């Protein structure tokens, strides 16, 4: 049973995500604490017209950036979503 308890981490993740080139917005962001680490499940919106390879690259940059910028992150799962008109 999950509870939504980590608003501060969620806000930080979403704020930092927008600093990564190619990330246009974020949608769902779920944060769970396991032991001393936070695990993040994030949906990031990117240009719907880019290639799968480009989206994959953006997701890796996003994960690496979040892991470097936010202490105590464990696993970070990035789901790429196509952004229609924003």
N, C-alpha and C. Protein backbone atom coordinates (compact mmCIF):
# COMPACT_ATOMS: atom_id res chain seq x y z
N UNK A 1 0.83 -1.18 0.00
CA UNK A 1 0.00 0.00 0.00
C UNK A 1 0.88 1.25 0.00
N UNK A 2 0.72 2.04 -1.02
CA UNK A 2 1.50 3.26 -1.14
C UNK A 2 0.76 4.45 -0.55
N UNK A 3 1.53 5.37 -0.03
CA UNK A 3 0.99 6.64 0.43
C UNK A 3 1.76 7.74 -0.26
N UNK A 4 1.10 8.85 -0.49
CA UNK A 4 1.77 10.00 -1.09
C UNK A 4 2.31 10.88 0.04
N UNK A 5 3.62 10.72 0.31
CA UNK A 5 4.20 11.41 1.46
C UNK A 5 5.35 12.36 1.13
N UNK A 6 5.84 12.33 -0.09
CA UNK A 6 7.10 13.01 -0.38
C UNK A 6 6.93 14.15 -1.38
N UNK A 7 6.04 15.08 -1.06
CA UNK A 7 5.80 16.22 -1.94
C UNK A 7 7.07 17.01 -2.22
N UNK A 8 7.93 17.18 -1.23
CA UNK A 8 9.14 17.97 -1.40
C UNK A 8 10.06 17.34 -2.44
N UNK A 9 10.21 16.03 -2.41
CA UNK A 9 11.06 15.34 -3.39
C UNK A 9 10.40 15.39 -4.76
N UNK A 10 9.09 15.21 -4.82
CA UNK A 10 8.37 15.26 -6.10
C UNK A 10 8.54 16.62 -6.76
N UNK A 11 8.38 17.68 -6.01
CA UNK A 11 8.54 19.04 -6.55
C UNK A 11 9.96 19.26 -7.04
N UNK A 12 10.94 18.78 -6.29
CA UNK A 12 12.34 18.91 -6.67
C UNK A 12 12.63 18.16 -7.97
N UNK A 13 12.12 16.94 -8.08
CA UNK A 13 12.32 16.13 -9.28
C UNK A 13 11.72 16.84 -10.49
N UNK A 14 10.49 17.31 -10.35
CA UNK A 14 9.84 17.96 -11.48
C UNK A 14 10.53 19.27 -11.87
N UNK A 15 10.99 20.02 -10.90
CA UNK A 15 11.70 21.28 -11.16
C UNK A 15 13.01 21.00 -11.91
N UNK A 16 13.80 20.06 -11.39
CA UNK A 16 15.08 19.74 -12.02
C UNK A 16 14.90 19.14 -13.41
N UNK A 17 13.83 18.41 -13.62
CA UNK A 17 13.58 17.77 -14.92
C UNK A 17 13.51 18.79 -16.05
N UNK A 18 12.94 19.94 -15.76
CA UNK A 18 12.77 20.95 -16.79
C UNK A 18 14.08 21.60 -17.22
N UNK A 19 15.16 21.37 -16.47
CA UNK A 19 16.47 21.89 -16.82
C UNK A 19 17.18 21.03 -17.87
N UNK A 20 16.63 19.84 -18.13
CA UNK A 20 17.26 18.92 -19.08
C UNK A 20 16.77 19.23 -20.49
N UNK A 21 17.69 19.49 -21.42
CA UNK A 21 17.29 19.79 -22.79
C UNK A 21 16.44 18.65 -23.37
N UNK A 22 15.32 19.04 -23.99
CA UNK A 22 14.43 18.07 -24.60
C UNK A 22 13.23 17.72 -23.75
N UNK A 23 13.32 17.97 -22.45
CA UNK A 23 12.18 17.71 -21.57
C UNK A 23 11.29 18.96 -21.60
N UNK A 24 10.09 18.80 -22.13
CA UNK A 24 9.18 19.94 -22.27
C UNK A 24 8.27 20.12 -21.07
N UNK A 25 7.96 19.02 -20.40
CA UNK A 25 7.08 19.06 -19.24
C UNK A 25 7.17 17.71 -18.53
N UNK A 26 6.56 17.65 -17.37
CA UNK A 26 6.45 16.37 -16.67
C UNK A 26 4.97 16.13 -16.38
N UNK A 27 4.65 14.86 -16.25
CA UNK A 27 3.28 14.48 -15.90
C UNK A 27 3.34 13.83 -14.53
N UNK A 28 3.00 12.57 -14.51
CA UNK A 28 2.97 11.83 -13.26
C UNK A 28 4.37 11.75 -12.66
N UNK A 29 4.42 11.86 -11.36
CA UNK A 29 5.68 11.69 -10.64
C UNK A 29 5.36 11.00 -9.32
N UNK A 30 5.83 9.78 -9.20
CA UNK A 30 5.59 9.01 -7.98
C UNK A 30 6.92 8.82 -7.26
N UNK A 31 6.92 9.06 -5.96
CA UNK A 31 8.13 8.91 -5.16
C UNK A 31 7.82 7.95 -4.02
N UNK A 32 8.69 6.96 -3.87
CA UNK A 32 8.57 6.01 -2.78
C UNK A 32 9.90 5.95 -2.04
N UNK A 33 9.85 5.77 -0.75
CA UNK A 33 11.07 5.64 0.03
C UNK A 33 11.26 4.17 0.37
N UNK A 34 12.43 3.67 0.03
CA UNK A 34 12.79 2.30 0.37
C UNK A 34 14.13 2.38 1.10
N UNK A 35 14.12 2.05 2.38
CA UNK A 35 15.33 2.22 3.18
C UNK A 35 15.64 3.70 3.30
N UNK A 36 16.85 4.05 2.93
CA UNK A 36 17.28 5.45 3.01
C UNK A 36 17.25 6.15 1.66
N UNK A 37 16.70 5.51 0.65
CA UNK A 37 16.70 6.05 -0.70
C UNK A 37 15.28 6.28 -1.22
N UNK A 38 15.17 7.25 -2.12
CA UNK A 38 13.91 7.54 -2.77
C UNK A 38 13.93 6.96 -4.18
N UNK A 39 12.87 6.27 -4.54
CA UNK A 39 12.72 5.72 -5.88
C UNK A 39 11.67 6.54 -6.61
N UNK A 40 12.00 6.94 -7.83
CA UNK A 40 11.16 7.86 -8.59
C UNK A 40 10.66 7.19 -9.86
N UNK A 41 9.40 7.40 -10.13
CA UNK A 41 8.76 6.95 -11.37
C UNK A 41 8.18 8.22 -11.99
N UNK A 42 8.79 8.67 -13.11
CA UNK A 42 8.48 9.98 -13.69
C UNK A 42 8.08 9.85 -15.15
N UNK A 43 7.03 10.55 -15.54
CA UNK A 43 6.62 10.63 -16.94
C UNK A 43 7.07 12.00 -17.45
N UNK A 44 7.95 11.98 -18.46
CA UNK A 44 8.49 13.21 -19.05
C UNK A 44 7.94 13.37 -20.46
N UNK A 45 7.50 14.58 -20.77
CA UNK A 45 6.96 14.86 -22.10
C UNK A 45 8.06 15.45 -22.98
N UNK A 46 8.17 14.87 -24.19
CA UNK A 46 9.15 15.34 -25.17
C UNK A 46 8.43 15.59 -26.49
N UNK A 47 9.10 16.25 -27.40
CA UNK A 47 8.54 16.52 -28.73
C UNK A 47 8.06 15.21 -29.36
N UNK A 48 6.84 15.19 -29.79
CA UNK A 48 6.24 13.97 -30.35
C UNK A 48 6.86 13.59 -31.70
N UNK A 49 7.61 14.47 -32.31
CA UNK A 49 8.16 14.21 -33.64
C UNK A 49 9.61 13.74 -33.64
N UNK A 50 10.21 13.56 -32.48
CA UNK A 50 11.59 13.08 -32.46
C UNK A 50 11.61 11.56 -32.58
N UNK A 51 12.79 11.02 -32.85
CA UNK A 51 12.92 9.57 -33.01
C UNK A 51 12.92 8.89 -31.65
N UNK A 52 12.70 7.60 -31.69
CA UNK A 52 12.77 6.80 -30.46
C UNK A 52 14.17 6.92 -29.86
N UNK A 53 15.17 6.90 -30.70
CA UNK A 53 16.57 7.02 -30.22
C UNK A 53 16.78 8.34 -29.48
N UNK A 54 16.25 9.43 -30.04
CA UNK A 54 16.38 10.73 -29.38
C UNK A 54 15.65 10.74 -28.04
N UNK A 55 14.46 10.18 -28.00
CA UNK A 55 13.72 10.09 -26.74
C UNK A 55 14.46 9.27 -25.71
N UNK A 56 15.06 8.18 -26.16
CA UNK A 56 15.85 7.31 -25.27
C UNK A 56 17.04 8.08 -24.70
N UNK A 57 17.70 8.84 -25.55
CA UNK A 57 18.85 9.64 -25.10
C UNK A 57 18.42 10.68 -24.07
N UNK A 58 17.31 11.35 -24.32
CA UNK A 58 16.80 12.34 -23.37
C UNK A 58 16.51 11.67 -22.03
N UNK A 59 15.91 10.49 -22.05
CA UNK A 59 15.58 9.81 -20.79
C UNK A 59 16.84 9.47 -20.00
N UNK A 60 17.91 9.07 -20.69
CA UNK A 60 19.16 8.77 -19.99
C UNK A 60 19.78 10.05 -19.41
N UNK A 61 19.75 11.13 -20.17
CA UNK A 61 20.27 12.40 -19.65
C UNK A 61 19.46 12.85 -18.44
N UNK A 62 18.16 12.69 -18.52
CA UNK A 62 17.29 13.08 -17.41
C UNK A 62 17.60 12.26 -16.16
N UNK A 63 17.68 10.97 -16.31
CA UNK A 63 17.99 10.11 -15.16
C UNK A 63 19.34 10.47 -14.55
N UNK A 64 20.36 10.61 -15.38
CA UNK A 64 21.70 10.94 -14.88
C UNK A 64 21.70 12.28 -14.16
N UNK A 65 21.00 13.27 -14.72
CA UNK A 65 20.94 14.60 -14.12
C UNK A 65 20.24 14.56 -12.76
N UNK A 66 19.12 13.87 -12.69
CA UNK A 66 18.40 13.77 -11.42
C UNK A 66 19.23 13.08 -10.36
N UNK A 67 19.91 12.01 -10.75
CA UNK A 67 20.74 11.26 -9.79
C UNK A 67 21.89 12.14 -9.27
N UNK A 68 22.43 13.00 -10.13
CA UNK A 68 23.54 13.88 -9.73
C UNK A 68 23.08 15.05 -8.87
N UNK A 69 21.87 15.54 -9.12
CA UNK A 69 21.40 16.76 -8.46
C UNK A 69 20.64 16.54 -7.15
N UNK A 70 20.03 15.38 -7.00
CA UNK A 70 19.19 15.15 -5.83
C UNK A 70 19.77 14.02 -4.99
N UNK A 71 20.19 14.33 -3.77
CA UNK A 71 20.77 13.30 -2.92
C UNK A 71 19.76 12.21 -2.56
N UNK A 72 20.27 11.05 -2.32
CA UNK A 72 19.48 9.91 -1.83
C UNK A 72 18.49 9.34 -2.82
N UNK A 73 18.68 9.60 -4.12
CA UNK A 73 17.83 8.92 -5.09
C UNK A 73 18.40 7.52 -5.31
N UNK A 74 17.51 6.56 -5.35
CA UNK A 74 17.90 5.19 -5.63
C UNK A 74 17.67 4.93 -7.10
N UNK A 75 16.59 4.26 -7.43
CA UNK A 75 16.27 4.02 -8.82
C UNK A 75 15.39 5.13 -9.35
N UNK A 76 15.62 5.47 -10.61
CA UNK A 76 14.82 6.48 -11.29
C UNK A 76 14.31 5.85 -12.58
N UNK A 77 13.00 5.73 -12.69
CA UNK A 77 12.37 5.18 -13.89
C UNK A 77 11.76 6.34 -14.67
N UNK A 78 12.16 6.47 -15.92
CA UNK A 78 11.66 7.54 -16.77
C UNK A 78 10.77 6.94 -17.85
N UNK A 79 9.58 7.46 -17.98
CA UNK A 79 8.66 7.09 -19.05
C UNK A 79 8.56 8.29 -19.98
N UNK A 80 8.87 8.09 -21.24
CA UNK A 80 8.80 9.17 -22.21
C UNK A 80 7.40 9.21 -22.82
N UNK A 81 6.81 10.38 -22.80
CA UNK A 81 5.47 10.61 -23.35
C UNK A 81 5.56 11.65 -24.45
N UNK A 82 4.82 11.48 -25.53
CA UNK A 82 4.84 12.51 -26.58
C UNK A 82 4.04 13.74 -26.15
N UNK A 83 4.64 14.87 -26.35
CA UNK A 83 3.96 16.14 -26.03
C UNK A 83 3.24 16.59 -27.29
N UNK A 84 1.98 16.79 -27.18
CA UNK A 84 1.23 17.37 -28.29
C UNK A 84 1.48 18.86 -28.22
N UNK A 85 0.55 19.65 -28.49
CA UNK A 85 0.71 21.10 -28.38
C UNK A 85 0.71 21.48 -26.90
N UNK A 86 1.77 22.15 -26.43
CA UNK A 86 1.82 22.61 -25.05
C UNK A 86 1.59 24.09 -24.98
